[in-house]
Structures are given as structure tokens and as C-alpha cells.
Amino acid sequence: MEFNEVIQNRRSIRHFTLQEVEQDKVDQLIDCARLCQSAKNRQPWSFMILKGQEKNKVADMMMESSNKESKEIFGYVNTVKYSAEIIKRAPLLIAVFQVYEEEWFASDLLSTGAAIEHICLECVNLGLGSVWIGDIWFNERAISKYLGCDHLHLISAVAIGYPAETPKPRPRKSREEILLSKKL
């Protein structure tokens, strides 16, 4: 698929078929992330592939934190619960970690975000669907400990599978709305 077509076709997929993602495709996704640029070539990311019970346990842990307090977050009510349900529907979850070093936090976070976007774009190229899950962060310490990675920070996750939906493009701001001009 042409790169521009991949970008145009990328959607957040929240419903998946039951078909498992083949190991060679999982390997390709990780290679795309591994080859991503990073600030000072730090390559601050680490990834864990989760399926089945391990993946569902992570979703359950998210639900536990969600059930304790049903609060509004950035204008959205109970997004953690909704994200956990998406994880349960997906055949595959890639948990994304990084080492926390305060002086590098911002550049490492940007670099890790770029690696996640590489994964999401390669999903489109491979005929897969994905959605970037930021809500995993709300219970990240407990989930990191459960996964044996409590020395790392769980930054995000990506739910992946074969799409069972074809969402329409979401509205996007125009070029004029996002381009700034220097004020004199």
C-alpha cells in the first residue's frame, strides 16, 4: 500500500474479529517500532506482546481502577472502563514501556509516541486494525508490577486485531486552522 494511502486509511478500530494476528505480522509491527527515530537515538521503548488471559487480566486491572472512582476525565466519563472493554475484544495488546529518567522524560515520551504511531500505521499496511490506548496509564504501576516490569513505566498500549468495523473518517481541522503565523 502506498504510504499516503496508509495515512488516509488509518482509523482507530475498537471492534475486532476473533482471528488471531499471525506471528510474522507481530514481528513486522515490532520491527517498524524498533526502526523508529528517537531523540539522541536513545530508543527508550520496550514492548510486551499480550494475548489471552494476560491481556484480559490487564483489562480487568484497568476496570478495578475505573470502578473505584467513576470520574470525569477531560470531559469523558469512565473512559478507562471503555478502553478495558476494547482490550478484551482485541486478540492482541502491545504494552509500551520506557525507563523513567526525569531529564529525558519529554524527549523519550515523544520518541515512544513516534514508535507507537509506526505500529499503528503498519497495522493499516498489513490489513490490521489498531487503537492507541492511553487509559492504561491510570493503573500503570499495578499493571507494570503484574507484568514483571515494575522497574519500567507503562506509557501506553496498542490494541490490535483484524477490524470488524470500518469507521468513517473523523472530522479534521483544516490546514488554515492548524498553521500558525508569527505575530508582528
N, C-alpha and C. Protein backbone atom coordinates (compact mmCIF):
# COMPACT_ATOMS: atom_id res chain seq x y z
N MET A 1 0.85 -1.17 0.00
CA MET A 1 0.00 0.00 0.00
C MET A 1 0.90 1.24 0.00
N GLU A 2 0.53 2.24 -0.75
CA GLU A 2 1.28 3.49 -0.78
C GLU A 2 1.17 4.19 0.58
N PHE A 3 2.26 4.85 0.99
CA PHE A 3 2.30 5.47 2.32
C PHE A 3 1.17 6.47 2.53
N ASN A 4 0.90 7.30 1.55
CA ASN A 4 -0.17 8.29 1.67
C ASN A 4 -1.52 7.59 1.88
N GLU A 5 -1.72 6.46 1.21
CA GLU A 5 -2.95 5.68 1.36
C GLU A 5 -3.05 5.10 2.77
N VAL A 6 -1.92 4.65 3.32
CA VAL A 6 -1.90 4.15 4.70
C VAL A 6 -2.35 5.25 5.65
N ILE A 7 -1.79 6.44 5.50
CA ILE A 7 -2.15 7.56 6.38
C ILE A 7 -3.63 7.90 6.22
N GLN A 8 -4.10 7.96 4.98
CA GLN A 8 -5.51 8.31 4.72
C GLN A 8 -6.47 7.27 5.30
N ASN A 9 -6.07 6.00 5.34
CA ASN A 9 -6.94 4.91 5.78
C ASN A 9 -6.83 4.58 7.26
N ARG A 10 -5.90 5.19 7.97
CA ARG A 10 -5.73 4.88 9.38
C ARG A 10 -6.95 5.35 10.18
N ARG A 11 -7.52 4.44 10.95
CA ARG A 11 -8.65 4.74 11.82
C ARG A 11 -8.40 4.07 13.16
N SER A 12 -9.02 4.58 14.20
CA SER A 12 -9.00 3.90 15.49
C SER A 12 -10.06 2.81 15.44
N ILE A 13 -9.61 1.57 15.50
CA ILE A 13 -10.50 0.41 15.42
C ILE A 13 -10.75 -0.09 16.84
N ARG A 14 -12.02 -0.22 17.19
CA ARG A 14 -12.40 -0.62 18.54
C ARG A 14 -13.15 -1.95 18.59
N HIS A 15 -13.43 -2.51 17.43
CA HIS A 15 -14.11 -3.81 17.34
C HIS A 15 -13.31 -4.69 16.38
N PHE A 16 -13.03 -5.90 16.81
CA PHE A 16 -12.15 -6.80 16.07
C PHE A 16 -12.82 -8.14 15.85
N THR A 17 -12.38 -8.84 14.80
CA THR A 17 -12.83 -10.21 14.60
C THR A 17 -12.08 -11.09 15.60
N LEU A 18 -12.44 -12.36 15.66
CA LEU A 18 -11.77 -13.29 16.58
C LEU A 18 -10.47 -13.84 16.00
N GLN A 19 -10.19 -13.55 14.73
CA GLN A 19 -9.00 -14.08 14.08
C GLN A 19 -7.73 -13.61 14.79
N GLU A 20 -6.86 -14.56 15.10
CA GLU A 20 -5.58 -14.24 15.74
C GLU A 20 -4.66 -13.53 14.74
N VAL A 21 -3.80 -12.68 15.25
CA VAL A 21 -2.81 -12.00 14.43
C VAL A 21 -1.59 -12.92 14.29
N GLU A 22 -1.20 -13.17 13.05
CA GLU A 22 -0.11 -14.09 12.77
C GLU A 22 1.21 -13.55 13.33
N GLN A 23 2.08 -14.47 13.79
CA GLN A 23 3.34 -14.09 14.41
C GLN A 23 4.22 -13.27 13.48
N ASP A 24 4.23 -13.58 12.17
CA ASP A 24 5.07 -12.80 11.26
C ASP A 24 4.60 -11.35 11.19
N LYS A 25 3.30 -11.12 11.34
CA LYS A 25 2.78 -9.74 11.35
C LYS A 25 3.15 -9.05 12.66
N VAL A 26 3.09 -9.76 13.76
CA VAL A 26 3.51 -9.19 15.04
C VAL A 26 4.98 -8.79 14.96
N ASP A 27 5.80 -9.66 14.38
CA ASP A 27 7.23 -9.36 14.21
C ASP A 27 7.43 -8.11 13.37
N GLN A 28 6.66 -7.96 12.30
CA GLN A 28 6.76 -6.77 11.45
C GLN A 28 6.40 -5.50 12.22
N LEU A 29 5.37 -5.58 13.05
CA LEU A 29 4.96 -4.42 13.84
C LEU A 29 6.08 -3.99 14.78
N ILE A 30 6.69 -4.95 15.45
CA ILE A 30 7.77 -4.63 16.38
C ILE A 30 8.98 -4.09 15.61
N ASP A 31 9.28 -4.65 14.44
CA ASP A 31 10.38 -4.12 13.64
C ASP A 31 10.13 -2.68 13.21
N CYS A 32 8.89 -2.36 12.85
CA CYS A 32 8.57 -0.98 12.48
C CYS A 32 8.80 -0.03 13.66
N ALA A 33 8.42 -0.45 14.85
CA ALA A 33 8.66 0.37 16.04
C ALA A 33 10.16 0.47 16.33
N ARG A 34 10.85 -0.63 16.21
CA ARG A 34 12.29 -0.69 16.50
C ARG A 34 13.08 0.25 15.59
N LEU A 35 12.62 0.41 14.37
CA LEU A 35 13.34 1.23 13.39
C LEU A 35 12.98 2.71 13.47
N CYS A 36 12.11 3.08 14.38
CA CYS A 36 11.66 4.46 14.51
C CYS A 36 12.80 5.37 14.97
N GLN A 37 12.74 6.61 14.52
CA GLN A 37 13.70 7.60 15.01
C GLN A 37 13.43 7.88 16.47
N SER A 38 14.46 8.33 17.20
CA SER A 38 14.28 8.72 18.60
C SER A 38 15.28 9.82 18.94
N ALA A 39 14.92 10.63 19.90
CA ALA A 39 15.79 11.73 20.33
C ALA A 39 17.13 11.15 20.80
N LYS A 40 18.20 11.68 20.24
CA LYS A 40 19.56 11.26 20.58
C LYS A 40 19.77 9.76 20.40
N ASN A 41 18.94 9.15 19.57
CA ASN A 41 18.97 7.71 19.31
C ASN A 41 18.90 6.88 20.59
N ARG A 42 18.16 7.38 21.58
CA ARG A 42 18.05 6.69 22.87
C ARG A 42 17.23 5.40 22.79
N GLN A 43 16.30 5.35 21.83
CA GLN A 43 15.44 4.18 21.69
C GLN A 43 14.90 3.75 23.06
N PRO A 44 14.13 4.64 23.70
CA PRO A 44 13.75 4.44 25.10
C PRO A 44 12.65 3.41 25.33
N TRP A 45 12.12 2.81 24.31
CA TRP A 45 10.94 1.96 24.40
C TRP A 45 11.28 0.50 24.64
N SER A 46 10.33 -0.17 25.23
CA SER A 46 10.31 -1.63 25.34
C SER A 46 8.86 -2.04 25.12
N PHE A 47 8.67 -3.21 24.54
CA PHE A 47 7.33 -3.67 24.19
C PHE A 47 7.08 -5.06 24.76
N MET A 48 5.85 -5.33 25.13
CA MET A 48 5.45 -6.66 25.58
C MET A 48 4.19 -7.05 24.82
N ILE A 49 4.21 -8.23 24.22
CA ILE A 49 3.07 -8.75 23.47
C ILE A 49 2.20 -9.54 24.45
N LEU A 50 0.93 -9.16 24.53
CA LEU A 50 0.00 -9.82 25.44
C LEU A 50 -1.19 -10.39 24.66
N LYS A 51 -1.55 -11.61 25.01
CA LYS A 51 -2.69 -12.27 24.40
C LYS A 51 -3.46 -12.99 25.50
N GLY A 52 -4.65 -13.43 25.18
CA GLY A 52 -5.43 -14.30 26.05
C GLY A 52 -5.58 -13.79 27.47
N GLN A 53 -5.34 -14.69 28.45
CA GLN A 53 -5.55 -14.37 29.85
C GLN A 53 -4.71 -13.20 30.34
N GLU A 54 -3.45 -13.12 29.91
CA GLU A 54 -2.60 -12.00 30.35
C GLU A 54 -3.19 -10.67 29.90
N LYS A 55 -3.62 -10.61 28.67
CA LYS A 55 -4.23 -9.39 28.12
C LYS A 55 -5.51 -9.06 28.88
N ASN A 56 -6.34 -10.06 29.11
CA ASN A 56 -7.60 -9.85 29.81
C ASN A 56 -7.39 -9.44 31.26
N LYS A 57 -6.35 -9.96 31.91
CA LYS A 57 -6.04 -9.57 33.28
C LYS A 57 -5.68 -8.09 33.33
N VAL A 58 -4.92 -7.61 32.35
CA VAL A 58 -4.59 -6.18 32.28
C VAL A 58 -5.88 -5.37 32.17
N ALA A 59 -6.80 -5.80 31.32
CA ALA A 59 -8.08 -5.10 31.19
C ALA A 59 -8.86 -5.12 32.50
N ASP A 60 -8.84 -6.27 33.19
CA ASP A 60 -9.53 -6.35 34.48
C ASP A 60 -8.91 -5.39 35.49
N MET A 61 -7.59 -5.29 35.48
CA MET A 61 -6.92 -4.37 36.40
C MET A 61 -7.29 -2.92 36.09
N MET A 62 -7.47 -2.62 34.82
CA MET A 62 -7.93 -1.28 34.44
C MET A 62 -9.34 -1.05 34.97
N MET A 63 -10.22 -2.06 34.84
CA MET A 63 -11.60 -1.95 35.31
C MET A 63 -11.63 -1.73 36.83
N GLU A 64 -10.74 -2.41 37.56
CA GLU A 64 -10.67 -2.23 39.01
C GLU A 64 -10.41 -0.77 39.36
N SER A 65 -9.45 -0.17 38.68
CA SER A 65 -9.15 1.23 38.97
C SER A 65 -10.31 2.12 38.55
N SER A 66 -11.01 1.73 37.48
CA SER A 66 -12.14 2.50 36.99
C SER A 66 -13.33 2.41 37.94
N ASN A 67 -13.54 1.24 38.52
CA ASN A 67 -14.69 1.03 39.40
C ASN A 67 -14.54 1.77 40.73
N LYS A 68 -13.29 2.02 41.15
CA LYS A 68 -13.06 2.73 42.40
C LYS A 68 -13.61 4.14 42.34
N GLU A 69 -13.45 4.75 41.20
CA GLU A 69 -13.86 6.15 41.05
C GLU A 69 -14.36 6.37 39.64
N SER A 70 -15.61 6.60 39.49
CA SER A 70 -16.15 6.90 38.17
C SER A 70 -16.17 8.42 38.02
N LYS A 71 -15.06 8.95 37.54
CA LYS A 71 -14.95 10.40 37.46
C LYS A 71 -14.82 10.85 36.01
N GLU A 72 -15.03 12.12 35.83
CA GLU A 72 -14.91 12.70 34.51
C GLU A 72 -13.44 13.04 34.25
N ILE A 73 -12.94 12.60 33.10
CA ILE A 73 -11.56 12.86 32.71
C ILE A 73 -11.58 13.58 31.38
N PHE A 74 -11.11 14.81 31.37
CA PHE A 74 -11.05 15.61 30.15
C PHE A 74 -12.39 15.63 29.41
N GLY A 75 -13.48 15.66 30.16
CA GLY A 75 -14.80 15.73 29.54
C GLY A 75 -15.38 14.38 29.17
N TYR A 76 -14.65 13.30 29.45
CA TYR A 76 -15.14 11.96 29.12
C TYR A 76 -15.37 11.19 30.42
N VAL A 77 -16.52 10.56 30.55
CA VAL A 77 -16.83 9.81 31.74
C VAL A 77 -16.43 8.35 31.54
N ASN A 78 -15.69 7.85 32.49
CA ASN A 78 -15.34 6.44 32.56
C ASN A 78 -14.66 5.91 31.30
N THR A 79 -13.73 6.64 30.77
CA THR A 79 -13.02 6.18 29.57
C THR A 79 -12.17 4.96 29.84
N VAL A 80 -11.71 4.79 31.08
CA VAL A 80 -10.86 3.65 31.42
C VAL A 80 -11.63 2.35 31.22
N LYS A 81 -12.86 2.31 31.67
CA LYS A 81 -13.70 1.11 31.52
C LYS A 81 -13.91 0.80 30.03
N TYR A 82 -14.20 1.81 29.25
CA TYR A 82 -14.42 1.63 27.81
C TYR A 82 -13.15 1.10 27.14
N SER A 83 -11.99 1.66 27.50
CA SER A 83 -10.73 1.19 26.93
C SER A 83 -10.44 -0.26 27.33
N ALA A 84 -10.76 -0.62 28.57
CA ALA A 84 -10.55 -2.00 29.02
C ALA A 84 -11.42 -2.97 28.22
N GLU A 85 -12.64 -2.57 27.91
CA GLU A 85 -13.52 -3.41 27.09
C GLU A 85 -12.95 -3.60 25.69
N ILE A 86 -12.35 -2.56 25.13
CA ILE A 86 -11.71 -2.67 23.82
C ILE A 86 -10.57 -3.68 23.87
N ILE A 87 -9.75 -3.60 24.93
CA ILE A 87 -8.63 -4.53 25.08
C ILE A 87 -9.15 -5.96 25.13
N LYS A 88 -10.23 -6.20 25.82
CA LYS A 88 -10.79 -7.57 25.90
C LYS A 88 -11.26 -8.06 24.53
N ARG A 89 -11.75 -7.16 23.69
CA ARG A 89 -12.22 -7.55 22.36
C ARG A 89 -11.07 -7.80 21.38
N ALA A 90 -9.92 -7.22 21.63
CA ALA A 90 -8.78 -7.34 20.71
C ALA A 90 -8.04 -8.65 20.96
N PRO A 91 -7.60 -9.32 19.90
CA PRO A 91 -6.82 -10.55 20.10
C PRO A 91 -5.40 -10.29 20.62
N LEU A 92 -4.92 -9.06 20.47
CA LEU A 92 -3.52 -8.77 20.78
C LEU A 92 -3.41 -7.39 21.42
N LEU A 93 -2.54 -7.28 22.40
CA LEU A 93 -2.24 -5.99 23.01
C LEU A 93 -0.73 -5.85 23.09
N ILE A 94 -0.24 -4.73 22.63
CA ILE A 94 1.18 -4.42 22.80
C ILE A 94 1.27 -3.38 23.91
N ALA A 95 1.87 -3.78 25.03
CA ALA A 95 2.13 -2.85 26.13
C ALA A 95 3.43 -2.13 25.83
N VAL A 96 3.43 -0.81 26.04
CA VAL A 96 4.58 0.02 25.68
C VAL A 96 5.17 0.62 26.95
N PHE A 97 6.43 0.31 27.20
CA PHE A 97 7.13 0.76 28.39
C PHE A 97 8.30 1.67 28.03
N GLN A 98 8.75 2.43 29.02
CA GLN A 98 10.03 3.13 28.89
C GLN A 98 10.61 3.35 30.29
N VAL A 99 11.92 3.49 30.33
CA VAL A 99 12.61 3.83 31.57
C VAL A 99 12.30 5.28 31.88
N TYR A 100 12.12 5.59 33.15
CA TYR A 100 11.85 6.97 33.52
C TYR A 100 13.16 7.64 33.95
N GLU A 101 13.56 8.62 33.19
CA GLU A 101 14.69 9.49 33.54
C GLU A 101 14.17 10.91 33.38
N GLU A 102 14.05 11.61 34.50
CA GLU A 102 13.38 12.91 34.51
C GLU A 102 13.91 13.87 33.45
N GLU A 103 15.22 13.93 33.31
CA GLU A 103 15.80 14.89 32.36
C GLU A 103 15.52 14.52 30.90
N TRP A 104 15.15 13.29 30.64
CA TRP A 104 14.86 12.84 29.29
C TRP A 104 13.38 12.57 29.06
N PHE A 105 12.55 12.79 30.08
CA PHE A 105 11.16 12.34 30.00
C PHE A 105 10.43 12.86 28.76
N ALA A 106 10.48 14.16 28.50
CA ALA A 106 9.72 14.73 27.37
C ALA A 106 10.20 14.17 26.04
N SER A 107 11.51 14.15 25.81
CA SER A 107 12.00 13.66 24.51
C SER A 107 11.79 12.16 24.38
N ASP A 108 11.93 11.41 25.48
CA ASP A 108 11.67 9.97 25.42
C ASP A 108 10.19 9.69 25.15
N LEU A 109 9.32 10.48 25.76
CA LEU A 109 7.89 10.30 25.54
C LEU A 109 7.51 10.57 24.08
N LEU A 110 8.08 11.63 23.52
CA LEU A 110 7.84 11.92 22.10
C LEU A 110 8.36 10.80 21.21
N SER A 111 9.54 10.30 21.52
CA SER A 111 10.13 9.21 20.74
C SER A 111 9.28 7.95 20.82
N THR A 112 8.81 7.63 22.02
CA THR A 112 7.98 6.45 22.20
C THR A 112 6.65 6.61 21.47
N GLY A 113 6.10 7.82 21.49
CA GLY A 113 4.87 8.09 20.74
C GLY A 113 5.06 7.87 19.25
N ALA A 114 6.22 8.27 18.74
CA ALA A 114 6.51 8.05 17.32
C ALA A 114 6.59 6.56 17.00
N ALA A 115 7.17 5.78 17.91
CA ALA A 115 7.26 4.33 17.70
C ALA A 115 5.86 3.70 17.70
N ILE A 116 4.99 4.20 18.59
CA ILE A 116 3.61 3.71 18.62
C ILE A 116 2.91 4.03 17.30
N GLU A 117 3.12 5.23 16.79
CA GLU A 117 2.50 5.60 15.51
C GLU A 117 3.01 4.72 14.37
N HIS A 118 4.29 4.35 14.40
CA HIS A 118 4.81 3.41 13.40
C HIS A 118 4.03 2.10 13.45
N ILE A 119 3.74 1.62 14.66
CA ILE A 119 2.96 0.38 14.81
C ILE A 119 1.57 0.56 14.22
N CYS A 120 0.92 1.66 14.56
CA CYS A 120 -0.45 1.90 14.08
C CYS A 120 -0.52 2.01 12.56
N LEU A 121 0.46 2.68 11.97
CA LEU A 121 0.48 2.80 10.51
C LEU A 121 0.78 1.46 9.83
N GLU A 122 1.69 0.69 10.41
CA GLU A 122 1.99 -0.63 9.83
C GLU A 122 0.79 -1.56 9.95
N CYS A 123 -0.01 -1.39 10.99
CA CYS A 123 -1.24 -2.19 11.10
C CYS A 123 -2.11 -1.99 9.87
N VAL A 124 -2.28 -0.74 9.46
CA VAL A 124 -3.09 -0.45 8.26
C VAL A 124 -2.47 -1.14 7.06
N ASN A 125 -1.17 -1.03 6.92
CA ASN A 125 -0.46 -1.63 5.79
C ASN A 125 -0.64 -3.14 5.74
N LEU A 126 -0.77 -3.78 6.91
CA LEU A 126 -0.90 -5.24 6.99
C LEU A 126 -2.34 -5.72 7.00
N GLY A 127 -3.30 -4.78 6.88
CA GLY A 127 -4.71 -5.16 6.90
C GLY A 127 -5.26 -5.36 8.30
N LEU A 128 -4.54 -4.85 9.29
CA LEU A 128 -4.96 -4.96 10.69
C LEU A 128 -5.59 -3.65 11.14
N GLY A 129 -6.28 -3.70 12.24
CA GLY A 129 -6.81 -2.50 12.87
C GLY A 129 -6.13 -2.31 14.21
N SER A 130 -6.08 -1.07 14.67
CA SER A 130 -5.46 -0.79 15.96
C SER A 130 -6.11 0.42 16.60
N VAL A 131 -5.93 0.52 17.91
CA VAL A 131 -6.30 1.73 18.62
C VAL A 131 -5.27 1.92 19.73
N TRP A 132 -4.83 3.14 19.84
CA TRP A 132 -3.83 3.55 20.80
C TRP A 132 -4.54 3.76 22.13
N ILE A 133 -4.14 3.05 23.18
CA ILE A 133 -4.81 3.10 24.48
C ILE A 133 -3.95 3.87 25.48
N GLY A 134 -4.34 5.08 25.76
CA GLY A 134 -3.64 5.87 26.77
C GLY A 134 -4.16 5.63 28.17
N ASP A 135 -5.40 5.18 28.28
CA ASP A 135 -6.03 5.00 29.60
C ASP A 135 -5.35 3.93 30.44
N ILE A 136 -4.52 3.11 29.85
CA ILE A 136 -3.82 2.08 30.62
C ILE A 136 -2.94 2.72 31.69
N TRP A 137 -2.60 3.97 31.47
CA TRP A 137 -1.70 4.68 32.36
C TRP A 137 -2.31 4.91 33.74
N PHE A 138 -3.63 4.94 33.86
CA PHE A 138 -4.26 5.24 35.14
C PHE A 138 -4.00 4.18 36.20
N ASN A 139 -3.65 2.96 35.82
CA ASN A 139 -3.30 1.91 36.78
C ASN A 139 -1.94 1.32 36.42
N GLU A 140 -1.07 2.16 35.88
CA GLU A 140 0.17 1.67 35.30
C GLU A 140 1.11 1.00 36.29
N ARG A 141 1.19 1.46 37.53
CA ARG A 141 2.12 0.85 38.48
C ARG A 141 1.71 -0.59 38.78
N ALA A 142 0.44 -0.82 39.05
CA ALA A 142 -0.03 -2.17 39.36
C ALA A 142 0.11 -3.09 38.15
N ILE A 143 -0.21 -2.58 36.97
CA ILE A 143 -0.09 -3.39 35.75
C ILE A 143 1.37 -3.70 35.46
N SER A 144 2.25 -2.71 35.61
CA SER A 144 3.69 -2.94 35.40
C SER A 144 4.20 -4.03 36.34
N LYS A 145 3.77 -3.97 37.60
CA LYS A 145 4.19 -4.98 38.58
C LYS A 145 3.67 -6.36 38.17
N TYR A 146 2.40 -6.46 37.79
CA TYR A 146 1.81 -7.73 37.36
C TYR A 146 2.60 -8.32 36.18
N LEU A 147 3.04 -7.47 35.27
CA LEU A 147 3.76 -7.94 34.08
C LEU A 147 5.25 -8.16 34.33
N GLY A 148 5.69 -7.93 35.57
CA GLY A 148 7.10 -8.15 35.91
C GLY A 148 8.00 -7.05 35.40
N CYS A 149 7.44 -5.88 35.17
CA CYS A 149 8.20 -4.75 34.62
C CYS A 149 8.08 -3.53 35.53
N ASP A 150 8.06 -3.75 36.84
CA ASP A 150 7.86 -2.61 37.74
C ASP A 150 9.07 -1.68 37.79
N HIS A 151 10.15 -2.04 37.14
CA HIS A 151 11.31 -1.14 37.01
C HIS A 151 11.13 -0.17 35.83
N LEU A 152 10.06 -0.38 35.05
CA LEU A 152 9.76 0.47 33.89
C LEU A 152 8.43 1.18 34.11
N HIS A 153 8.18 2.19 33.29
CA HIS A 153 6.89 2.88 33.32
C HIS A 153 6.08 2.44 32.10
N LEU A 154 4.86 2.00 32.37
CA LEU A 154 3.93 1.64 31.30
C LEU A 154 3.37 2.95 30.76
N ILE A 155 3.75 3.28 29.54
CA ILE A 155 3.39 4.56 28.94
C ILE A 155 2.05 4.48 28.22
N SER A 156 1.81 3.38 27.53
CA SER A 156 0.63 3.27 26.70
C SER A 156 0.48 1.82 26.27
N ALA A 157 -0.50 1.56 25.43
CA ALA A 157 -0.70 0.23 24.85
C ALA A 157 -1.39 0.40 23.51
N VAL A 158 -1.30 -0.63 22.70
CA VAL A 158 -1.98 -0.63 21.40
C VAL A 158 -2.75 -1.94 21.29
N ALA A 159 -4.08 -1.83 21.15
CA ALA A 159 -4.94 -2.99 20.92
C ALA A 159 -4.96 -3.25 19.42
N ILE A 160 -4.77 -4.51 19.04
CA ILE A 160 -4.60 -4.84 17.62
C ILE A 160 -5.38 -6.10 17.27
N GLY A 161 -5.92 -6.12 16.06
CA GLY A 161 -6.59 -7.29 15.53
C GLY A 161 -7.10 -7.01 14.14
N TYR A 162 -7.82 -7.96 13.59
CA TYR A 162 -8.45 -7.75 12.28
C TYR A 162 -9.73 -6.96 12.51
N PRO A 163 -9.91 -5.86 11.78
CA PRO A 163 -11.06 -4.99 12.03
C PRO A 163 -12.40 -5.66 11.75
N ALA A 164 -13.35 -5.42 12.67
CA ALA A 164 -14.72 -5.86 12.48
C ALA A 164 -15.62 -4.65 12.26
N GLU A 165 -15.01 -3.55 11.90
CA GLU A 165 -15.73 -2.30 11.61
C GLU A 165 -14.92 -1.49 10.62
N THR A 166 -15.60 -0.58 9.95
CA THR A 166 -14.95 0.34 9.02
C THR A 166 -15.46 1.74 9.33
N PRO A 167 -14.87 2.37 10.34
CA PRO A 167 -15.36 3.71 10.71
C PRO A 167 -15.10 4.74 9.61
N LYS A 168 -16.00 5.69 9.52
CA LYS A 168 -15.81 6.80 8.60
C LYS A 168 -14.71 7.70 9.16
N PRO A 169 -14.08 8.49 8.29
CA PRO A 169 -13.07 9.42 8.78
C PRO A 169 -13.68 10.40 9.78
N ARG A 170 -12.93 10.69 10.83
CA ARG A 170 -13.37 11.67 11.82
C ARG A 170 -13.08 13.06 11.28
N PRO A 171 -13.81 14.06 11.73
CA PRO A 171 -13.53 15.43 11.27
C PRO A 171 -12.11 15.85 11.62
N ARG A 172 -11.49 16.55 10.74
CA ARG A 172 -10.13 17.06 10.96
C ARG A 172 -10.14 18.56 10.75
N LYS A 173 -9.31 19.23 11.52
CA LYS A 173 -9.17 20.67 11.34
C LYS A 173 -8.55 20.93 9.98
N SER A 174 -8.88 22.07 9.42
CA SER A 174 -8.30 22.45 8.13
C SER A 174 -6.86 22.89 8.32
N ARG A 175 -6.14 22.94 7.22
CA ARG A 175 -4.76 23.41 7.23
C ARG A 175 -4.67 24.81 7.84
N GLU A 176 -5.62 25.65 7.48
CA GLU A 176 -5.63 27.03 7.99
C GLU A 176 -5.81 27.08 9.50
N GLU A 177 -6.55 26.13 10.03
CA GLU A 177 -6.80 26.11 11.49
C GLU A 177 -5.57 25.68 12.29
N ILE A 178 -4.66 24.94 11.67
CA ILE A 178 -3.51 24.43 12.44
C ILE A 178 -2.20 25.13 12.14
N LEU A 179 -2.16 25.90 11.05
CA LEU A 179 -0.92 26.62 10.73
C LEU A 179 -0.89 27.97 11.45
N LEU A 180 0.19 28.22 12.12
CA LEU A 180 0.36 29.49 12.83
C LEU A 180 1.23 30.42 12.02
N SER A 181 1.01 31.70 12.22
CA SER A 181 1.86 32.73 11.61
C SER A 181 2.47 33.54 12.74
N LYS A 182 3.67 33.95 12.52
CA LYS A 182 4.34 34.78 13.52
C LYS A 182 3.60 36.11 13.63
N LYS A 183 3.30 36.50 14.86
CA LYS A 183 2.63 37.77 15.10
C LYS A 183 3.68 38.87 15.15
N LEU A 184 3.44 39.95 14.40
CA LEU A 184 4.40 41.06 14.40
C LEU A 184 4.07 42.09 15.44
